């Protein structure tokens, strides 16, 4: 599962909705009213928090406890693509908070800053799934996989359907977990 969060700092409240700002910074389009970030300082803090992060790589990546983070940035934003289960990701929110850059969550359509009615400190914490949640996801996957026997000759797409349903179930479970935490 992939989940992205993006950070930028505004010089003043902007009329442009956060979703539009997000799309513009991802396309490297100028947004009047964004503050230039101290990129080298932010990269230094990220490097200290994630030692295997190398900003000189073409596609910088850091491994986490059960996933990874892909890093991208410009002079005006930082974006983090979270893959897998990422309890270490709270560090990202904390580091960017040190630079007064509130989080924008495009999946929720929320920017966590005072100009939009949500205080910077109200960002939802990132937590690893519990052992019970991991066990339940593994049980569902094992159940779906048990429906698929590679050597068995079946008509149709039963094996592929079982694999698809297993993946879909795991994604639905993770999304439900995230939504339950943030509401």
N, C-alpha and C. Protein backbone atom coordinates (compact mmCIF):
# COMPACT_ATOMS: atom_id res chain seq x y z
N UNK A 1 0.84 -1.17 0.00
CA UNK A 1 0.00 0.00 0.00
C UNK A 1 0.88 1.24 0.00
N UNK A 2 0.51 2.24 -0.74
CA UNK A 2 1.26 3.48 -0.81
C UNK A 2 0.39 4.62 -0.29
N UNK A 3 1.04 5.54 0.39
CA UNK A 3 0.35 6.67 0.99
C UNK A 3 1.30 7.83 0.93
N UNK A 4 0.86 9.00 0.49
CA UNK A 4 1.79 10.11 0.44
C UNK A 4 1.32 11.26 1.31
N UNK A 5 2.30 11.99 1.84
CA UNK A 5 2.06 13.20 2.61
C UNK A 5 3.00 14.27 2.07
N UNK A 6 2.54 15.51 2.07
CA UNK A 6 3.30 16.61 1.49
C UNK A 6 3.30 17.79 2.46
N UNK A 7 4.41 18.52 2.47
CA UNK A 7 4.59 19.64 3.39
C UNK A 7 5.03 20.87 2.61
N UNK A 8 4.47 22.02 2.96
CA UNK A 8 4.93 23.30 2.44
C UNK A 8 4.62 24.36 3.49
N UNK A 9 5.24 25.51 3.31
CA UNK A 9 5.05 26.61 4.26
C UNK A 9 4.53 27.81 3.50
N UNK A 10 3.48 28.40 4.03
CA UNK A 10 2.87 29.56 3.38
C UNK A 10 3.34 30.84 4.07
N UNK A 11 3.53 31.89 3.28
CA UNK A 11 3.91 33.19 3.83
C UNK A 11 2.70 33.87 4.47
N UNK A 12 1.52 33.49 4.01
CA UNK A 12 0.27 34.09 4.47
C UNK A 12 -0.86 33.13 4.09
N UNK A 13 -2.06 33.31 4.64
CA UNK A 13 -3.18 32.48 4.18
C UNK A 13 -3.42 32.72 2.68
N UNK A 14 -3.66 31.66 1.96
CA UNK A 14 -3.87 31.75 0.53
C UNK A 14 -5.32 31.41 0.18
N UNK A 15 -5.81 32.03 -0.89
CA UNK A 15 -7.16 31.73 -1.35
C UNK A 15 -7.20 30.39 -2.08
N UNK A 16 -6.09 29.97 -2.63
CA UNK A 16 -6.02 28.71 -3.36
C UNK A 16 -6.21 27.55 -2.38
N UNK A 17 -7.13 26.64 -2.65
CA UNK A 17 -7.34 25.51 -1.74
C UNK A 17 -6.10 24.61 -1.67
N UNK A 18 -5.89 23.95 -0.54
CA UNK A 18 -4.71 23.09 -0.38
C UNK A 18 -4.56 22.04 -1.49
N UNK A 19 -5.67 21.48 -1.95
CA UNK A 19 -5.59 20.47 -3.02
C UNK A 19 -4.97 21.08 -4.29
N UNK A 20 -5.33 22.31 -4.61
CA UNK A 20 -4.77 22.97 -5.79
C UNK A 20 -3.28 23.29 -5.59
N UNK A 21 -2.93 23.73 -4.38
CA UNK A 21 -1.51 23.99 -4.08
C UNK A 21 -0.72 22.70 -4.23
N UNK A 22 -1.25 21.62 -3.67
CA UNK A 22 -0.60 20.31 -3.74
C UNK A 22 -0.34 19.91 -5.19
N UNK A 23 -1.34 20.02 -6.04
CA UNK A 23 -1.17 19.65 -7.45
C UNK A 23 -0.15 20.54 -8.14
N UNK A 24 -0.15 21.81 -7.82
CA UNK A 24 0.81 22.73 -8.44
C UNK A 24 2.25 22.42 -8.02
N UNK A 25 2.47 22.17 -6.72
CA UNK A 25 3.85 21.89 -6.30
C UNK A 25 4.35 20.58 -6.88
N UNK A 26 3.46 19.61 -7.05
CA UNK A 26 3.88 18.33 -7.64
C UNK A 26 4.25 18.49 -9.11
N UNK A 27 3.64 19.46 -9.77
CA UNK A 27 3.96 19.73 -11.19
C UNK A 27 5.05 20.79 -11.32
N UNK A 28 5.64 21.18 -10.18
CA UNK A 28 6.67 22.23 -10.15
C UNK A 28 6.19 23.54 -10.76
N UNK A 29 4.92 23.84 -10.57
CA UNK A 29 4.36 25.11 -11.01
C UNK A 29 4.47 26.11 -9.86
N UNK A 30 4.72 27.38 -10.16
CA UNK A 30 4.86 28.37 -9.08
C UNK A 30 3.53 28.60 -8.36
N UNK A 31 3.63 28.81 -7.06
CA UNK A 31 2.47 29.15 -6.24
C UNK A 31 2.84 30.42 -5.48
N UNK A 32 2.21 31.53 -5.83
CA UNK A 32 2.47 32.79 -5.17
C UNK A 32 2.02 32.69 -3.72
N UNK A 33 2.94 32.98 -2.78
CA UNK A 33 2.60 32.94 -1.37
C UNK A 33 3.24 31.80 -0.61
N UNK A 34 3.95 30.89 -1.32
CA UNK A 34 4.67 29.83 -0.60
C UNK A 34 6.05 30.36 -0.23
N UNK A 35 6.50 29.94 0.93
CA UNK A 35 7.81 30.38 1.41
C UNK A 35 8.88 29.38 0.97
N UNK A 36 10.01 29.90 0.54
CA UNK A 36 11.14 29.05 0.16
C UNK A 36 11.64 28.34 1.42
N UNK A 37 11.90 27.05 1.30
CA UNK A 37 12.31 26.24 2.45
C UNK A 37 13.83 26.14 2.55
N UNK A 38 14.35 25.95 3.76
CA UNK A 38 15.78 25.72 3.94
C UNK A 38 16.11 24.26 3.60
N UNK A 39 16.13 23.95 2.32
CA UNK A 39 16.22 22.57 1.83
C UNK A 39 17.40 21.82 2.43
N UNK A 40 18.59 22.44 2.44
CA UNK A 40 19.77 21.73 2.95
C UNK A 40 19.61 21.38 4.43
N UNK A 41 19.01 22.28 5.21
CA UNK A 41 18.79 21.99 6.63
C UNK A 41 17.77 20.86 6.80
N UNK A 42 16.71 20.88 6.02
CA UNK A 42 15.69 19.82 6.11
C UNK A 42 16.32 18.49 5.72
N UNK A 43 17.08 18.48 4.63
CA UNK A 43 17.73 17.23 4.20
C UNK A 43 18.68 16.70 5.27
N UNK A 44 19.38 17.60 5.94
CA UNK A 44 20.27 17.19 7.03
C UNK A 44 19.51 16.52 8.16
N UNK A 45 18.37 17.09 8.54
CA UNK A 45 17.55 16.49 9.61
C UNK A 45 16.99 15.14 9.17
N UNK A 46 16.55 15.06 7.91
CA UNK A 46 16.02 13.79 7.42
C UNK A 46 17.11 12.72 7.40
N UNK A 47 18.31 13.11 6.99
CA UNK A 47 19.44 12.18 6.93
C UNK A 47 19.78 11.68 8.34
N UNK A 48 19.71 12.55 9.34
CA UNK A 48 20.00 12.10 10.70
C UNK A 48 18.91 11.18 11.24
N UNK A 49 17.68 11.38 10.82
CA UNK A 49 16.58 10.53 11.28
C UNK A 49 16.51 9.21 10.51
N UNK A 50 16.92 9.23 9.25
CA UNK A 50 16.88 8.05 8.39
C UNK A 50 18.27 7.86 7.77
N UNK A 51 19.18 7.20 8.47
CA UNK A 51 20.58 7.12 8.04
C UNK A 51 20.80 6.53 6.64
N UNK A 52 19.91 5.66 6.16
CA UNK A 52 20.13 5.12 4.81
C UNK A 52 19.55 6.01 3.71
N UNK A 53 18.97 7.15 4.07
CA UNK A 53 18.48 8.13 3.11
C UNK A 53 19.68 8.86 2.50
N UNK A 54 19.78 8.85 1.18
CA UNK A 54 20.85 9.55 0.48
C UNK A 54 20.23 10.53 -0.51
N UNK A 55 20.23 11.83 -0.18
CA UNK A 55 19.59 12.81 -1.05
C UNK A 55 20.22 12.92 -2.43
N UNK A 56 21.42 12.39 -2.62
CA UNK A 56 22.10 12.47 -3.91
C UNK A 56 21.58 11.42 -4.91
N UNK A 57 20.86 10.42 -4.43
CA UNK A 57 20.33 9.39 -5.32
C UNK A 57 19.24 9.96 -6.22
N UNK A 58 19.04 9.32 -7.39
CA UNK A 58 17.98 9.75 -8.31
C UNK A 58 16.60 9.59 -7.68
N UNK A 59 16.39 8.49 -6.99
CA UNK A 59 15.12 8.22 -6.32
C UNK A 59 15.42 7.88 -4.86
N UNK A 60 15.64 8.90 -4.02
CA UNK A 60 16.03 8.64 -2.63
C UNK A 60 14.97 7.84 -1.89
N UNK A 61 15.46 6.87 -1.13
CA UNK A 61 14.59 5.93 -0.43
C UNK A 61 15.20 5.62 0.92
N UNK A 62 14.36 5.42 1.92
CA UNK A 62 14.81 4.96 3.24
C UNK A 62 13.94 3.80 3.65
N UNK A 63 14.55 2.80 4.22
CA UNK A 63 13.82 1.65 4.75
C UNK A 63 13.30 2.01 6.14
N UNK A 64 12.11 1.50 6.46
CA UNK A 64 11.53 1.69 7.79
C UNK A 64 11.32 0.31 8.40
N UNK A 65 10.66 0.26 9.55
CA UNK A 65 10.48 -1.02 10.25
C UNK A 65 9.81 -2.07 9.38
N UNK A 66 8.80 -1.68 8.59
CA UNK A 66 8.11 -2.65 7.73
C UNK A 66 7.68 -2.03 6.42
N UNK A 67 8.53 -1.19 5.88
CA UNK A 67 8.18 -0.54 4.63
C UNK A 67 9.31 0.35 4.16
N UNK A 68 8.94 1.41 3.48
CA UNK A 68 9.94 2.35 2.99
C UNK A 68 9.31 3.72 2.78
N UNK A 69 10.18 4.70 2.63
CA UNK A 69 9.77 6.07 2.34
C UNK A 69 10.55 6.53 1.13
N UNK A 70 9.84 7.03 0.12
CA UNK A 70 10.51 7.66 -1.02
C UNK A 70 10.40 9.16 -0.83
N UNK A 71 11.51 9.86 -1.01
CA UNK A 71 11.60 11.29 -0.76
C UNK A 71 11.63 12.06 -2.07
N UNK A 72 10.89 13.17 -2.14
CA UNK A 72 11.01 14.10 -3.27
C UNK A 72 10.77 15.50 -2.72
N UNK A 73 11.37 16.50 -3.38
CA UNK A 73 11.27 17.86 -2.86
C UNK A 73 11.62 18.88 -3.93
N UNK A 74 11.28 20.11 -3.61
CA UNK A 74 11.69 21.28 -4.40
C UNK A 74 12.07 22.35 -3.38
N UNK A 75 12.30 23.54 -3.84
CA UNK A 75 12.60 24.64 -2.91
C UNK A 75 11.38 25.01 -2.06
N UNK A 76 10.18 24.53 -2.47
CA UNK A 76 8.95 24.96 -1.81
C UNK A 76 8.12 23.84 -1.18
N UNK A 77 8.54 22.59 -1.33
CA UNK A 77 7.76 21.50 -0.73
C UNK A 77 8.63 20.27 -0.51
N UNK A 78 8.13 19.40 0.36
CA UNK A 78 8.69 18.06 0.54
C UNK A 78 7.53 17.09 0.46
N UNK A 79 7.74 16.00 -0.27
CA UNK A 79 6.73 14.95 -0.39
C UNK A 79 7.37 13.64 0.02
N UNK A 80 6.59 12.83 0.75
CA UNK A 80 7.06 11.53 1.21
C UNK A 80 6.03 10.49 0.80
N UNK A 81 6.47 9.53 -0.01
CA UNK A 81 5.61 8.41 -0.40
C UNK A 81 5.92 7.26 0.53
N UNK A 82 4.94 6.89 1.32
CA UNK A 82 5.08 5.85 2.33
C UNK A 82 4.58 4.53 1.76
N UNK A 83 5.40 3.51 1.87
CA UNK A 83 5.01 2.19 1.36
C UNK A 83 5.12 1.18 2.49
N UNK A 84 4.11 0.31 2.57
CA UNK A 84 4.09 -0.68 3.63
C UNK A 84 3.55 -0.08 4.92
N UNK A 85 3.91 -0.69 6.01
CA UNK A 85 3.50 -0.25 7.33
C UNK A 85 4.61 0.65 7.84
N UNK A 86 4.26 1.84 8.26
CA UNK A 86 5.30 2.84 8.49
C UNK A 86 5.13 3.57 9.81
N UNK A 87 5.42 2.93 10.93
CA UNK A 87 5.36 3.59 12.22
C UNK A 87 6.44 4.63 12.39
N UNK A 88 7.56 4.48 11.66
CA UNK A 88 8.65 5.46 11.74
C UNK A 88 8.28 6.78 11.09
N UNK A 89 7.17 6.85 10.41
CA UNK A 89 6.81 8.03 9.64
C UNK A 89 6.42 9.22 10.49
N UNK A 90 6.13 9.01 11.75
CA UNK A 90 5.85 10.14 12.64
C UNK A 90 7.05 11.07 12.67
N UNK A 91 8.24 10.51 12.48
CA UNK A 91 9.45 11.34 12.45
C UNK A 91 9.35 12.41 11.36
N UNK A 92 8.75 12.07 10.22
CA UNK A 92 8.61 13.04 9.13
C UNK A 92 7.77 14.23 9.57
N UNK A 93 6.66 13.95 10.22
CA UNK A 93 5.76 15.01 10.69
C UNK A 93 6.49 15.88 11.70
N UNK A 94 7.23 15.24 12.60
CA UNK A 94 7.95 15.98 13.63
C UNK A 94 9.05 16.85 13.03
N UNK A 95 9.83 16.29 12.11
CA UNK A 95 10.92 17.05 11.49
C UNK A 95 10.37 18.24 10.71
N UNK A 96 9.35 18.02 9.90
CA UNK A 96 8.81 19.12 9.12
C UNK A 96 8.15 20.16 10.02
N UNK A 97 7.63 19.73 11.17
CA UNK A 97 7.09 20.67 12.15
C UNK A 97 8.17 21.59 12.71
N UNK A 98 9.40 21.08 12.82
CA UNK A 98 10.52 21.92 13.28
C UNK A 98 10.74 23.10 12.34
N UNK A 99 10.37 22.94 11.07
CA UNK A 99 10.54 23.99 10.07
C UNK A 99 9.21 24.71 9.78
N UNK A 100 8.24 24.51 10.68
CA UNK A 100 6.92 25.14 10.57
C UNK A 100 6.22 24.81 9.26
N UNK A 101 6.39 23.57 8.82
CA UNK A 101 5.73 23.10 7.60
C UNK A 101 4.64 22.11 8.00
N UNK A 102 3.39 22.52 7.96
CA UNK A 102 2.31 21.60 8.29
C UNK A 102 2.12 20.54 7.20
N UNK A 103 1.54 19.46 7.60
CA UNK A 103 1.30 18.33 6.70
C UNK A 103 0.02 18.55 5.89
N UNK A 104 0.09 18.16 4.63
CA UNK A 104 -1.11 18.05 3.80
C UNK A 104 -1.28 16.58 3.46
N UNK A 105 -2.45 16.05 3.74
CA UNK A 105 -2.77 14.66 3.45
C UNK A 105 -3.74 14.63 2.28
N UNK A 106 -3.27 14.34 1.06
CA UNK A 106 -4.16 14.37 -0.10
C UNK A 106 -5.21 13.26 -0.08
N UNK A 107 -4.96 12.18 0.63
CA UNK A 107 -5.95 11.12 0.73
C UNK A 107 -7.17 11.58 1.52
N UNK A 108 -6.92 12.42 2.54
CA UNK A 108 -7.99 12.96 3.37
C UNK A 108 -8.44 14.34 2.90
N UNK A 109 -7.62 14.98 2.06
CA UNK A 109 -7.93 16.34 1.62
C UNK A 109 -7.79 17.36 2.75
N UNK A 110 -6.89 17.10 3.71
CA UNK A 110 -6.73 17.98 4.88
C UNK A 110 -5.32 18.54 4.95
N UNK A 111 -5.24 19.81 5.27
CA UNK A 111 -3.97 20.45 5.60
C UNK A 111 -4.04 20.79 7.07
N UNK A 112 -3.04 20.40 7.80
CA UNK A 112 -3.03 20.56 9.24
C UNK A 112 -2.31 21.85 9.64
N UNK A 113 -3.01 22.98 9.46
CA UNK A 113 -2.47 24.27 9.86
C UNK A 113 -3.60 25.17 10.34
N UNK A 114 -3.24 26.21 11.05
CA UNK A 114 -4.25 27.10 11.64
C UNK A 114 -5.07 27.85 10.61
N UNK A 115 -4.51 28.13 9.43
CA UNK A 115 -5.27 28.90 8.45
C UNK A 115 -6.44 28.11 7.88
N UNK A 116 -6.46 26.82 8.12
CA UNK A 116 -7.58 26.00 7.66
C UNK A 116 -8.34 25.39 8.83
N UNK A 117 -8.12 25.93 10.03
CA UNK A 117 -8.91 25.54 11.18
C UNK A 117 -8.41 24.32 11.93
N UNK A 118 -7.27 23.79 11.55
CA UNK A 118 -6.74 22.61 12.24
C UNK A 118 -5.33 22.96 12.71
N UNK A 119 -5.08 22.88 14.00
CA UNK A 119 -3.78 23.26 14.53
C UNK A 119 -2.70 22.31 14.09
N UNK A 120 -1.49 22.84 13.94
CA UNK A 120 -0.35 22.04 13.51
C UNK A 120 -0.15 20.83 14.42
N UNK A 121 -0.36 20.99 15.71
CA UNK A 121 -0.19 19.88 16.65
C UNK A 121 -1.25 18.81 16.54
N UNK A 122 -2.27 19.01 15.74
CA UNK A 122 -3.35 18.04 15.64
C UNK A 122 -3.12 16.98 14.57
N UNK A 123 -1.92 16.93 13.99
CA UNK A 123 -1.68 15.93 12.95
C UNK A 123 -1.85 14.54 13.53
N UNK A 124 -2.48 13.66 12.78
CA UNK A 124 -2.69 12.31 13.29
C UNK A 124 -1.36 11.57 13.40
N UNK A 125 -1.16 10.83 14.47
CA UNK A 125 0.10 10.10 14.60
C UNK A 125 0.12 8.89 13.67
N UNK A 126 1.29 8.55 13.19
CA UNK A 126 1.48 7.33 12.42
C UNK A 126 1.92 6.25 13.39
N UNK A 127 1.30 5.11 13.31
CA UNK A 127 1.63 4.01 14.22
C UNK A 127 1.73 2.73 13.41
N UNK A 128 2.62 1.83 13.87
CA UNK A 128 2.66 0.50 13.26
C UNK A 128 1.38 -0.24 13.59
N UNK A 129 1.02 -1.19 12.75
CA UNK A 129 -0.13 -2.02 13.07
C UNK A 129 0.22 -2.89 14.27
N UNK A 130 -0.79 -3.27 15.01
CA UNK A 130 -0.57 -4.12 16.18
C UNK A 130 -0.29 -5.54 15.73
N UNK A 131 0.28 -6.37 16.59
CA UNK A 131 0.49 -7.78 16.23
C UNK A 131 -0.84 -8.47 15.87
N UNK A 132 -1.92 -8.08 16.53
CA UNK A 132 -3.22 -8.68 16.24
C UNK A 132 -3.68 -8.31 14.82
N UNK A 133 -3.48 -7.04 14.44
CA UNK A 133 -3.88 -6.60 13.10
C UNK A 133 -3.04 -7.30 12.03
N UNK A 134 -1.72 -7.43 12.27
CA UNK A 134 -0.86 -8.13 11.31
C UNK A 134 -1.28 -9.60 11.20
N UNK A 135 -1.60 -10.23 12.33
CA UNK A 135 -2.02 -11.63 12.32
C UNK A 135 -3.33 -11.79 11.55
N UNK A 136 -4.25 -10.85 11.71
CA UNK A 136 -5.52 -10.92 10.99
C UNK A 136 -5.30 -10.77 9.49
N UNK A 137 -4.42 -9.84 9.07
CA UNK A 137 -4.14 -9.68 7.64
C UNK A 137 -3.48 -10.94 7.08
N UNK A 138 -2.55 -11.52 7.84
CA UNK A 138 -1.89 -12.75 7.39
C UNK A 138 -2.89 -13.90 7.30
N UNK A 139 -3.84 -13.98 8.26
CA UNK A 139 -4.85 -15.03 8.24
C UNK A 139 -5.73 -14.88 7.00
N UNK A 140 -6.14 -13.64 6.68
CA UNK A 140 -6.99 -13.42 5.50
C UNK A 140 -6.23 -13.77 4.22
N UNK A 141 -4.95 -13.41 4.16
CA UNK A 141 -4.15 -13.73 2.99
C UNK A 141 -3.98 -15.24 2.85
N UNK A 142 -3.68 -15.92 3.95
CA UNK A 142 -3.52 -17.38 3.91
C UNK A 142 -4.82 -18.05 3.48
N UNK A 143 -5.93 -17.55 3.97
CA UNK A 143 -7.23 -18.12 3.60
C UNK A 143 -7.48 -17.96 2.10
N UNK A 144 -7.19 -16.78 1.57
CA UNK A 144 -7.39 -16.56 0.13
C UNK A 144 -6.43 -17.39 -0.69
N UNK A 145 -5.18 -17.48 -0.24
CA UNK A 145 -4.19 -18.26 -0.99
C UNK A 145 -4.49 -19.75 -0.97
N UNK A 146 -5.15 -20.21 0.11
CA UNK A 146 -5.48 -21.63 0.18
C UNK A 146 -6.48 -22.04 -0.91
N UNK A 147 -7.17 -21.05 -1.47
CA UNK A 147 -8.11 -21.32 -2.55
C UNK A 147 -7.40 -21.55 -3.88
N UNK A 148 -6.13 -21.24 -3.92
CA UNK A 148 -5.37 -21.31 -5.16
C UNK A 148 -4.34 -22.43 -5.06
N UNK A 149 -4.47 -23.42 -5.92
CA UNK A 149 -3.50 -24.51 -6.00
C UNK A 149 -2.87 -24.45 -7.38
N UNK A 150 -1.57 -24.08 -7.47
CA UNK A 150 -0.94 -23.87 -8.76
C UNK A 150 -1.00 -25.06 -9.72
N UNK A 151 -0.90 -26.27 -9.23
CA UNK A 151 -0.86 -27.43 -10.12
C UNK A 151 -2.23 -27.89 -10.57
N UNK A 152 -3.26 -27.39 -9.97
CA UNK A 152 -4.61 -27.85 -10.27
C UNK A 152 -5.13 -27.19 -11.53
N UNK A 153 -5.69 -27.98 -12.42
CA UNK A 153 -6.21 -27.46 -13.68
C UNK A 153 -7.65 -27.01 -13.47
N UNK A 154 -7.87 -25.72 -13.54
CA UNK A 154 -9.21 -25.17 -13.36
C UNK A 154 -9.59 -24.36 -14.58
N UNK A 155 -10.88 -24.36 -14.86
CA UNK A 155 -11.38 -23.49 -15.92
C UNK A 155 -11.59 -22.11 -15.32
N UNK A 156 -11.39 -21.10 -16.12
CA UNK A 156 -11.63 -19.74 -15.65
C UNK A 156 -10.44 -19.18 -14.91
N UNK A 157 -10.73 -18.23 -14.07
CA UNK A 157 -9.68 -17.46 -13.41
C UNK A 157 -9.78 -17.56 -11.89
N UNK A 158 -10.15 -18.70 -11.36
CA UNK A 158 -10.37 -18.83 -9.92
C UNK A 158 -9.13 -18.49 -9.11
N UNK A 159 -7.97 -18.97 -9.55
CA UNK A 159 -6.73 -18.69 -8.81
C UNK A 159 -6.39 -17.22 -8.82
N UNK A 160 -6.50 -16.62 -9.98
CA UNK A 160 -6.21 -15.19 -10.07
C UNK A 160 -7.23 -14.38 -9.27
N UNK A 161 -8.47 -14.80 -9.30
CA UNK A 161 -9.50 -14.10 -8.53
C UNK A 161 -9.20 -14.18 -7.04
N UNK A 162 -8.74 -15.34 -6.58
CA UNK A 162 -8.40 -15.49 -5.16
C UNK A 162 -7.24 -14.58 -4.79
N UNK A 163 -6.23 -14.50 -5.65
CA UNK A 163 -5.09 -13.61 -5.39
C UNK A 163 -5.55 -12.15 -5.37
N UNK A 164 -6.40 -11.79 -6.32
CA UNK A 164 -6.91 -10.42 -6.39
C UNK A 164 -7.70 -10.09 -5.13
N UNK A 165 -8.56 -11.01 -4.70
CA UNK A 165 -9.36 -10.77 -3.50
C UNK A 165 -8.50 -10.68 -2.26
N UNK A 166 -7.44 -11.46 -2.20
CA UNK A 166 -6.52 -11.40 -1.05
C UNK A 166 -5.87 -10.03 -0.98
N UNK A 167 -5.39 -9.56 -2.10
CA UNK A 167 -4.77 -8.24 -2.13
C UNK A 167 -5.76 -7.14 -1.81
N UNK A 168 -6.94 -7.23 -2.40
CA UNK A 168 -7.98 -6.23 -2.16
C UNK A 168 -8.39 -6.22 -0.68
N UNK A 169 -8.49 -7.39 -0.09
CA UNK A 169 -8.85 -7.49 1.33
C UNK A 169 -7.78 -6.83 2.20
N UNK A 170 -6.53 -7.09 1.90
CA UNK A 170 -5.44 -6.50 2.68
C UNK A 170 -5.46 -4.98 2.56
N UNK A 171 -5.68 -4.47 1.36
CA UNK A 171 -5.74 -3.02 1.16
C UNK A 171 -6.93 -2.43 1.90
N UNK A 172 -8.09 -3.07 1.80
CA UNK A 172 -9.29 -2.58 2.48
C UNK A 172 -9.09 -2.56 3.99
N UNK A 173 -8.43 -3.58 4.50
CA UNK A 173 -8.17 -3.65 5.93
C UNK A 173 -7.26 -2.50 6.37
N UNK A 174 -6.22 -2.24 5.60
CA UNK A 174 -5.30 -1.16 5.94
C UNK A 174 -5.99 0.20 5.83
N UNK A 175 -6.79 0.41 4.80
CA UNK A 175 -7.51 1.68 4.65
C UNK A 175 -8.48 1.87 5.80
N UNK A 176 -9.20 0.83 6.17
CA UNK A 176 -10.14 0.91 7.29
C UNK A 176 -9.39 1.26 8.58
N UNK A 177 -8.22 0.66 8.74
CA UNK A 177 -7.40 0.94 9.92
C UNK A 177 -6.99 2.41 9.96
N UNK A 178 -6.55 2.95 8.83
CA UNK A 178 -6.14 4.35 8.75
C UNK A 178 -7.31 5.29 9.00
N UNK A 179 -8.45 4.99 8.39
CA UNK A 179 -9.62 5.86 8.56
C UNK A 179 -10.12 5.84 9.99
N UNK A 180 -10.08 4.69 10.62
CA UNK A 180 -10.54 4.58 12.02
C UNK A 180 -9.65 5.40 12.95
N UNK A 181 -8.36 5.45 12.64
CA UNK A 181 -7.42 6.19 13.46
C UNK A 181 -7.60 7.68 13.32
N UNK A 182 -7.95 8.16 12.13
CA UNK A 182 -7.94 9.59 11.85
C UNK A 182 -9.29 10.26 12.03
N UNK A 183 -10.33 9.52 12.21
CA UNK A 183 -11.66 10.14 12.39
C UNK A 183 -11.97 10.39 13.83
